[in-house]
Amino acid sequence: MSDRTSSLLTQPPRPPSGRRIAALLGLFVLGAVVALAGALVQAGWFPAGLLLALAGEAGLCLGASRALRSRSGGVAAAAGWTLAVVLLTTSRPEGDFLFAAGSGSYLFLLGGIAVAVICATLGPGRQPDGGPGRLGT
């Protein structure tokens, strides 16, 4: 490796800018909105609604990773989705709840978490600046 590449890899990451923090907060909120929409759709049109809800979440997480060119976008969207789903699963004292005790609800919860983890890890990692040259040559 050249000295420039090795120095770039050893530098600590810069703190995020204000625009990046705003984008991550927006993706967090968008993840919560997608979770709410998915919770309503997955039970209404089973099994097509379940697939539509999971595809919407996958598109959000993968698109967020690609838009911000880092895994942090996908993680922010996945965190918003997960928090919203966990809050939607709690029952209220009045006995109201959004998820029924059926296989579709469990597939939405567990499948959604799996989709969030997969899509958040598919985002591009931290790469040094420079051309697309091969390392070690």
N, C-alpha and C. Protein backbone atom coordinates (compact mmCIF):
# COMPACT_ATOMS: atom_id res chain seq x y z
N MET A 1 0.83 -1.18 0.00
CA MET A 1 0.00 0.00 0.00
C MET A 1 0.87 1.24 0.00
N SER A 2 0.37 2.27 -0.59
CA SER A 2 1.11 3.52 -0.60
C SER A 2 0.94 4.23 0.74
N ASP A 3 1.78 5.22 0.98
CA ASP A 3 1.70 5.96 2.24
C ASP A 3 0.39 6.73 2.35
N ARG A 4 -0.12 7.22 1.23
CA ARG A 4 -1.38 7.97 1.25
C ARG A 4 -2.54 7.07 1.65
N THR A 5 -2.60 5.88 1.09
CA THR A 5 -3.68 4.95 1.39
C THR A 5 -3.60 4.50 2.84
N SER A 6 -2.43 4.18 3.32
CA SER A 6 -2.31 3.72 4.70
C SER A 6 -2.64 4.84 5.69
N SER A 7 -2.30 6.10 5.34
CA SER A 7 -2.64 7.19 6.25
C SER A 7 -4.14 7.46 6.25
N LEU A 8 -4.82 7.26 5.12
CA LEU A 8 -6.27 7.43 5.08
C LEU A 8 -6.98 6.36 5.90
N LEU A 9 -6.44 5.17 5.90
CA LEU A 9 -7.08 4.08 6.64
C LEU A 9 -6.87 4.20 8.14
N THR A 10 -5.82 4.89 8.57
CA THR A 10 -5.55 5.01 10.00
C THR A 10 -6.15 6.27 10.61
N GLN A 11 -6.67 7.18 9.79
CA GLN A 11 -7.27 8.39 10.33
C GLN A 11 -8.63 8.06 10.94
N PRO A 12 -8.95 8.70 12.07
CA PRO A 12 -10.28 8.47 12.64
C PRO A 12 -11.34 9.13 11.76
N PRO A 13 -12.56 8.61 11.78
CA PRO A 13 -13.61 9.20 10.96
C PRO A 13 -13.96 10.62 11.45
N ARG A 14 -14.34 11.46 10.50
CA ARG A 14 -14.75 12.82 10.84
C ARG A 14 -16.11 12.79 11.50
N PRO A 15 -16.40 13.77 12.38
CA PRO A 15 -17.75 13.84 12.95
C PRO A 15 -18.76 14.17 11.85
N PRO A 16 -19.98 13.67 11.96
CA PRO A 16 -20.96 13.92 10.90
C PRO A 16 -21.37 15.39 10.83
N SER A 17 -21.67 15.82 9.63
CA SER A 17 -22.10 17.20 9.42
C SER A 17 -23.57 17.35 9.84
N GLY A 18 -24.02 18.58 9.89
CA GLY A 18 -25.41 18.84 10.26
C GLY A 18 -26.40 18.29 9.25
N ARG A 19 -26.03 18.37 7.96
CA ARG A 19 -26.92 17.82 6.92
C ARG A 19 -27.02 16.30 7.03
N ARG A 20 -25.90 15.66 7.36
CA ARG A 20 -25.92 14.19 7.48
C ARG A 20 -26.76 13.76 8.69
N ILE A 21 -26.66 14.49 9.80
CA ILE A 21 -27.46 14.18 10.97
C ILE A 21 -28.94 14.37 10.66
N ALA A 22 -29.28 15.45 9.95
CA ALA A 22 -30.67 15.68 9.56
C ALA A 22 -31.17 14.57 8.64
N ALA A 23 -30.32 14.12 7.72
CA ALA A 23 -30.71 13.03 6.82
C ALA A 23 -30.94 11.74 7.60
N LEU A 24 -30.09 11.46 8.57
CA LEU A 24 -30.25 10.24 9.37
C LEU A 24 -31.51 10.30 10.22
N LEU A 25 -31.81 11.46 10.79
CA LEU A 25 -33.05 11.60 11.57
C LEU A 25 -34.28 11.45 10.66
N GLY A 26 -34.20 12.02 9.46
CA GLY A 26 -35.30 11.86 8.51
C GLY A 26 -35.51 10.41 8.11
N LEU A 27 -34.42 9.68 7.91
CA LEU A 27 -34.54 8.25 7.58
C LEU A 27 -35.07 7.45 8.75
N PHE A 28 -34.73 7.85 9.97
CA PHE A 28 -35.27 7.19 11.16
C PHE A 28 -36.79 7.35 11.21
N VAL A 29 -37.26 8.57 10.99
CA VAL A 29 -38.71 8.83 10.98
C VAL A 29 -39.38 8.11 9.82
N LEU A 30 -38.74 8.10 8.65
CA LEU A 30 -39.30 7.40 7.50
C LEU A 30 -39.40 5.90 7.76
N GLY A 31 -38.42 5.34 8.48
CA GLY A 31 -38.49 3.94 8.87
C GLY A 31 -39.70 3.66 9.76
N ALA A 32 -40.00 4.58 10.67
CA ALA A 32 -41.17 4.41 11.53
C ALA A 32 -42.47 4.49 10.72
N VAL A 33 -42.51 5.38 9.73
CA VAL A 33 -43.71 5.51 8.88
C VAL A 33 -43.90 4.25 8.05
N VAL A 34 -42.82 3.70 7.51
CA VAL A 34 -42.90 2.47 6.72
C VAL A 34 -43.36 1.31 7.60
N ALA A 35 -42.93 1.28 8.85
CA ALA A 35 -43.37 0.23 9.78
C ALA A 35 -44.86 0.33 10.05
N LEU A 36 -45.35 1.53 10.26
CA LEU A 36 -46.78 1.71 10.50
C LEU A 36 -47.60 1.31 9.28
N ALA A 37 -47.17 1.74 8.11
CA ALA A 37 -47.87 1.36 6.88
C ALA A 37 -47.81 -0.14 6.65
N GLY A 38 -46.67 -0.75 6.91
CA GLY A 38 -46.53 -2.19 6.75
C GLY A 38 -47.40 -2.97 7.72
N ALA A 39 -47.52 -2.46 8.95
CA ALA A 39 -48.36 -3.13 9.94
C ALA A 39 -49.82 -3.14 9.52
N LEU A 40 -50.25 -2.08 8.85
CA LEU A 40 -51.63 -2.03 8.40
C LEU A 40 -51.85 -2.86 7.14
N VAL A 41 -50.89 -2.88 6.24
CA VAL A 41 -51.04 -3.58 4.97
C VAL A 41 -50.88 -5.09 5.13
N GLN A 42 -49.96 -5.54 5.98
CA GLN A 42 -49.65 -6.97 6.06
C GLN A 42 -50.84 -7.79 6.53
N ALA A 43 -51.68 -7.24 7.37
CA ALA A 43 -52.84 -8.00 7.84
C ALA A 43 -54.02 -7.88 6.88
N GLY A 44 -54.09 -6.81 6.13
CA GLY A 44 -55.23 -6.57 5.26
C GLY A 44 -55.23 -7.43 4.02
N TRP A 45 -54.09 -7.68 3.43
CA TRP A 45 -54.01 -8.42 2.17
C TRP A 45 -53.06 -9.59 2.30
N PHE A 46 -53.28 -10.45 3.28
CA PHE A 46 -52.37 -11.58 3.48
C PHE A 46 -52.48 -12.55 2.31
N PRO A 47 -51.46 -13.09 1.77
CA PRO A 47 -50.02 -12.98 1.98
C PRO A 47 -49.36 -11.90 1.13
N ALA A 48 -50.10 -11.34 0.15
CA ALA A 48 -49.50 -10.32 -0.71
C ALA A 48 -49.15 -9.06 0.08
N GLY A 49 -49.95 -8.73 1.08
CA GLY A 49 -49.67 -7.56 1.90
C GLY A 49 -48.40 -7.74 2.72
N LEU A 50 -48.16 -8.95 3.19
CA LEU A 50 -46.94 -9.23 3.94
C LEU A 50 -45.72 -9.06 3.06
N LEU A 51 -45.77 -9.58 1.85
CA LEU A 51 -44.66 -9.43 0.92
C LEU A 51 -44.46 -7.96 0.53
N LEU A 52 -45.54 -7.24 0.35
CA LEU A 52 -45.46 -5.82 0.02
C LEU A 52 -44.83 -5.02 1.17
N ALA A 53 -45.22 -5.33 2.40
CA ALA A 53 -44.68 -4.63 3.56
C ALA A 53 -43.18 -4.90 3.72
N LEU A 54 -42.77 -6.15 3.55
CA LEU A 54 -41.35 -6.49 3.68
C LEU A 54 -40.54 -5.92 2.52
N ALA A 55 -41.12 -5.89 1.32
CA ALA A 55 -40.42 -5.29 0.18
C ALA A 55 -40.26 -3.79 0.37
N GLY A 56 -41.26 -3.15 0.95
CA GLY A 56 -41.16 -1.71 1.23
C GLY A 56 -40.05 -1.41 2.23
N GLU A 57 -39.95 -2.24 3.25
CA GLU A 57 -38.88 -2.05 4.23
C GLU A 57 -37.51 -2.31 3.62
N ALA A 58 -37.41 -3.36 2.81
CA ALA A 58 -36.13 -3.66 2.17
C ALA A 58 -35.72 -2.52 1.23
N GLY A 59 -36.66 -1.99 0.48
CA GLY A 59 -36.36 -0.88 -0.41
C GLY A 59 -35.91 0.36 0.35
N LEU A 60 -36.55 0.61 1.49
CA LEU A 60 -36.16 1.77 2.29
C LEU A 60 -34.74 1.60 2.85
N CYS A 61 -34.46 0.47 3.45
CA CYS A 61 -33.14 0.26 4.08
C CYS A 61 -32.03 0.24 3.03
N LEU A 62 -32.25 -0.46 1.94
CA LEU A 62 -31.22 -0.52 0.90
C LEU A 62 -31.06 0.83 0.20
N GLY A 63 -32.17 1.49 -0.07
CA GLY A 63 -32.10 2.81 -0.69
C GLY A 63 -31.45 3.85 0.20
N ALA A 64 -31.67 3.76 1.50
CA ALA A 64 -31.04 4.70 2.43
C ALA A 64 -29.53 4.48 2.47
N SER A 65 -29.12 3.21 2.44
CA SER A 65 -27.68 2.92 2.42
C SER A 65 -27.03 3.45 1.16
N ARG A 66 -27.70 3.27 0.04
CA ARG A 66 -27.14 3.74 -1.24
C ARG A 66 -27.17 5.27 -1.33
N ALA A 67 -28.22 5.89 -0.79
CA ALA A 67 -28.34 7.35 -0.90
C ALA A 67 -27.26 8.06 -0.08
N LEU A 68 -26.96 7.55 1.10
CA LEU A 68 -25.94 8.17 1.94
C LEU A 68 -24.55 7.58 1.71
N ARG A 69 -24.47 6.57 0.85
CA ARG A 69 -23.21 5.90 0.53
C ARG A 69 -22.50 5.36 1.75
N SER A 70 -23.27 4.89 2.72
CA SER A 70 -22.71 4.25 3.90
C SER A 70 -23.79 3.41 4.57
N ARG A 71 -23.35 2.55 5.45
CA ARG A 71 -24.30 1.68 6.16
C ARG A 71 -25.15 2.45 7.15
N SER A 72 -24.72 3.63 7.54
CA SER A 72 -25.45 4.39 8.56
C SER A 72 -26.87 4.75 8.10
N GLY A 73 -27.07 4.98 6.82
CA GLY A 73 -28.41 5.28 6.33
C GLY A 73 -29.35 4.10 6.50
N GLY A 74 -28.88 2.91 6.15
CA GLY A 74 -29.69 1.71 6.32
C GLY A 74 -29.94 1.38 7.78
N VAL A 75 -28.95 1.63 8.61
CA VAL A 75 -29.11 1.36 10.04
C VAL A 75 -30.11 2.33 10.66
N ALA A 76 -30.09 3.59 10.25
CA ALA A 76 -31.04 4.57 10.78
C ALA A 76 -32.47 4.21 10.40
N ALA A 77 -32.67 3.82 9.14
CA ALA A 77 -34.01 3.42 8.70
C ALA A 77 -34.47 2.15 9.40
N ALA A 78 -33.56 1.19 9.56
CA ALA A 78 -33.90 -0.06 10.24
C ALA A 78 -34.19 0.17 11.72
N ALA A 79 -33.46 1.09 12.35
CA ALA A 79 -33.71 1.39 13.76
C ALA A 79 -35.08 2.04 13.94
N GLY A 80 -35.44 2.95 13.05
CA GLY A 80 -36.77 3.55 13.12
C GLY A 80 -37.87 2.53 12.91
N TRP A 81 -37.67 1.62 11.97
CA TRP A 81 -38.65 0.57 11.71
C TRP A 81 -38.80 -0.34 12.94
N THR A 82 -37.68 -0.76 13.50
CA THR A 82 -37.72 -1.68 14.63
C THR A 82 -38.37 -1.03 15.85
N LEU A 83 -38.01 0.22 16.14
CA LEU A 83 -38.60 0.90 17.29
C LEU A 83 -40.10 1.06 17.12
N ALA A 84 -40.53 1.43 15.94
CA ALA A 84 -41.97 1.60 15.70
C ALA A 84 -42.72 0.29 15.83
N VAL A 85 -42.15 -0.79 15.32
CA VAL A 85 -42.83 -2.09 15.41
C VAL A 85 -42.90 -2.56 16.86
N VAL A 86 -41.83 -2.35 17.61
CA VAL A 86 -41.86 -2.74 19.02
C VAL A 86 -42.90 -1.93 19.78
N LEU A 87 -42.99 -0.64 19.50
CA LEU A 87 -44.01 0.18 20.16
C LEU A 87 -45.42 -0.19 19.73
N LEU A 88 -45.58 -0.67 18.49
CA LEU A 88 -46.91 -1.08 18.02
C LEU A 88 -47.35 -2.43 18.60
N THR A 89 -46.41 -3.24 19.05
CA THR A 89 -46.77 -4.55 19.57
C THR A 89 -47.26 -4.51 21.01
N THR A 90 -47.00 -3.43 21.72
CA THR A 90 -47.45 -3.36 23.11
C THR A 90 -48.96 -3.15 23.15
N SER A 91 -49.61 -3.86 24.05
CA SER A 91 -51.06 -3.70 24.17
C SER A 91 -51.35 -2.58 25.16
N ARG A 92 -52.46 -1.94 24.97
CA ARG A 92 -52.86 -0.83 25.83
C ARG A 92 -53.76 -1.34 26.94
N PRO A 93 -53.94 -0.57 28.01
CA PRO A 93 -54.81 -1.02 29.11
C PRO A 93 -56.25 -1.27 28.66
N GLU A 94 -56.67 -0.60 27.61
CA GLU A 94 -58.03 -0.81 27.11
C GLU A 94 -58.18 -2.13 26.38
N GLY A 95 -57.06 -2.79 26.10
CA GLY A 95 -57.10 -4.07 25.39
C GLY A 95 -56.89 -3.94 23.90
N ASP A 96 -56.64 -2.73 23.41
CA ASP A 96 -56.42 -2.52 21.98
C ASP A 96 -55.02 -2.96 21.60
N PHE A 97 -54.90 -3.53 20.42
CA PHE A 97 -53.59 -3.86 19.88
C PHE A 97 -53.69 -3.87 18.37
N LEU A 98 -52.55 -3.73 17.71
CA LEU A 98 -52.54 -3.63 16.26
C LEU A 98 -52.25 -4.96 15.60
N PHE A 99 -51.44 -5.80 16.24
CA PHE A 99 -51.06 -7.08 15.67
C PHE A 99 -51.90 -8.20 16.27
N ALA A 100 -52.48 -9.01 15.41
CA ALA A 100 -53.20 -10.20 15.87
C ALA A 100 -52.20 -11.31 16.15
N ALA A 101 -52.63 -12.31 16.87
CA ALA A 101 -51.74 -13.43 17.22
C ALA A 101 -51.80 -14.48 16.11
N GLY A 102 -51.36 -14.12 14.93
CA GLY A 102 -51.37 -15.04 13.80
C GLY A 102 -49.99 -15.17 13.19
N SER A 103 -49.89 -16.10 12.25
CA SER A 103 -48.59 -16.34 11.63
C SER A 103 -48.12 -15.14 10.81
N GLY A 104 -49.03 -14.41 10.20
CA GLY A 104 -48.65 -13.24 9.40
C GLY A 104 -47.98 -12.17 10.24
N SER A 105 -48.48 -11.94 11.44
CA SER A 105 -47.88 -10.92 12.31
C SER A 105 -46.48 -11.33 12.73
N TYR A 106 -46.32 -12.60 13.08
CA TYR A 106 -44.99 -13.06 13.49
C TYR A 106 -44.00 -13.04 12.32
N LEU A 107 -44.48 -13.39 11.13
CA LEU A 107 -43.62 -13.31 9.95
C LEU A 107 -43.23 -11.86 9.65
N PHE A 108 -44.15 -10.94 9.86
CA PHE A 108 -43.85 -9.53 9.65
C PHE A 108 -42.80 -9.05 10.65
N LEU A 109 -42.97 -9.41 11.92
CA LEU A 109 -42.02 -8.97 12.94
C LEU A 109 -40.64 -9.57 12.74
N LEU A 110 -40.57 -10.89 12.66
CA LEU A 110 -39.27 -11.56 12.56
C LEU A 110 -38.65 -11.39 11.18
N GLY A 111 -39.47 -11.49 10.14
CA GLY A 111 -38.97 -11.28 8.79
C GLY A 111 -38.51 -9.86 8.56
N GLY A 112 -39.20 -8.91 9.16
CA GLY A 112 -38.80 -7.51 9.03
C GLY A 112 -37.47 -7.22 9.70
N ILE A 113 -37.25 -7.83 10.85
CA ILE A 113 -35.96 -7.65 11.52
C ILE A 113 -34.85 -8.28 10.70
N ALA A 114 -35.11 -9.46 10.14
CA ALA A 114 -34.09 -10.11 9.29
C ALA A 114 -33.81 -9.28 8.04
N VAL A 115 -34.84 -8.76 7.42
CA VAL A 115 -34.66 -7.92 6.22
C VAL A 115 -33.88 -6.66 6.57
N ALA A 116 -34.17 -6.05 7.72
CA ALA A 116 -33.47 -4.84 8.13
C ALA A 116 -31.98 -5.11 8.34
N VAL A 117 -31.66 -6.22 8.98
CA VAL A 117 -30.25 -6.55 9.22
C VAL A 117 -29.53 -6.83 7.90
N ILE A 118 -30.17 -7.59 7.03
CA ILE A 118 -29.54 -7.92 5.75
C ILE A 118 -29.31 -6.67 4.92
N CYS A 119 -30.31 -5.83 4.80
CA CYS A 119 -30.18 -4.64 3.95
C CYS A 119 -29.23 -3.61 4.56
N ALA A 120 -29.21 -3.51 5.88
CA ALA A 120 -28.30 -2.55 6.50
C ALA A 120 -26.84 -2.98 6.36
N THR A 121 -26.58 -4.26 6.29
CA THR A 121 -25.20 -4.72 6.13
C THR A 121 -24.77 -4.76 4.66
N LEU A 122 -25.69 -4.64 3.73
CA LEU A 122 -25.33 -4.63 2.31
C LEU A 122 -24.80 -3.28 1.84
N GLY A 123 -24.95 -2.26 2.65
CA GLY A 123 -24.49 -0.93 2.26
C GLY A 123 -22.98 -0.90 2.13
N PRO A 124 -22.48 0.05 1.36
CA PRO A 124 -21.03 0.14 1.17
C PRO A 124 -20.33 0.54 2.46
N GLY A 125 -19.18 -0.05 2.71
CA GLY A 125 -18.39 0.28 3.89
C GLY A 125 -17.50 1.48 3.64
N ARG A 126 -16.70 1.82 4.60
CA ARG A 126 -15.79 2.97 4.49
C ARG A 126 -14.64 2.60 3.58
N GLN A 127 -14.45 3.37 2.54
CA GLN A 127 -13.41 3.12 1.56
C GLN A 127 -12.50 4.33 1.46
N PRO A 128 -11.21 4.12 1.21
CA PRO A 128 -10.32 5.26 1.02
C PRO A 128 -10.63 5.96 -0.31
N ASP A 129 -10.31 7.25 -0.34
CA ASP A 129 -10.52 8.02 -1.57
C ASP A 129 -9.49 7.56 -2.61
N GLY A 130 -9.84 7.71 -3.83
CA GLY A 130 -8.91 7.36 -4.90
C GLY A 130 -9.62 6.58 -5.99
N GLY A 131 -8.83 6.16 -6.95
CA GLY A 131 -9.38 5.43 -8.08
C GLY A 131 -9.74 3.99 -7.72
N PRO A 132 -10.36 3.33 -8.66
CA PRO A 132 -10.77 1.95 -8.41
C PRO A 132 -9.63 0.96 -8.65
N GLY A 133 -8.42 1.33 -8.33
CA GLY A 133 -7.27 0.45 -8.54
C GLY A 133 -7.27 -0.72 -7.57
N ARG A 134 -6.55 -1.74 -7.95
CA ARG A 134 -6.47 -2.93 -7.11
C ARG A 134 -5.43 -2.70 -6.01
N LEU A 135 -5.73 -3.17 -4.82
CA LEU A 135 -4.80 -3.04 -3.72
C LEU A 135 -3.69 -4.07 -3.87
N GLY A 136 -2.50 -3.70 -3.47
CA GLY A 136 -1.39 -4.64 -3.47
C GLY A 136 -0.66 -4.74 -4.79
N THR A 137 -1.01 -3.94 -5.77
CA THR A 137 -0.31 -4.01 -7.05
C THR A 137 0.47 -2.77 -7.29
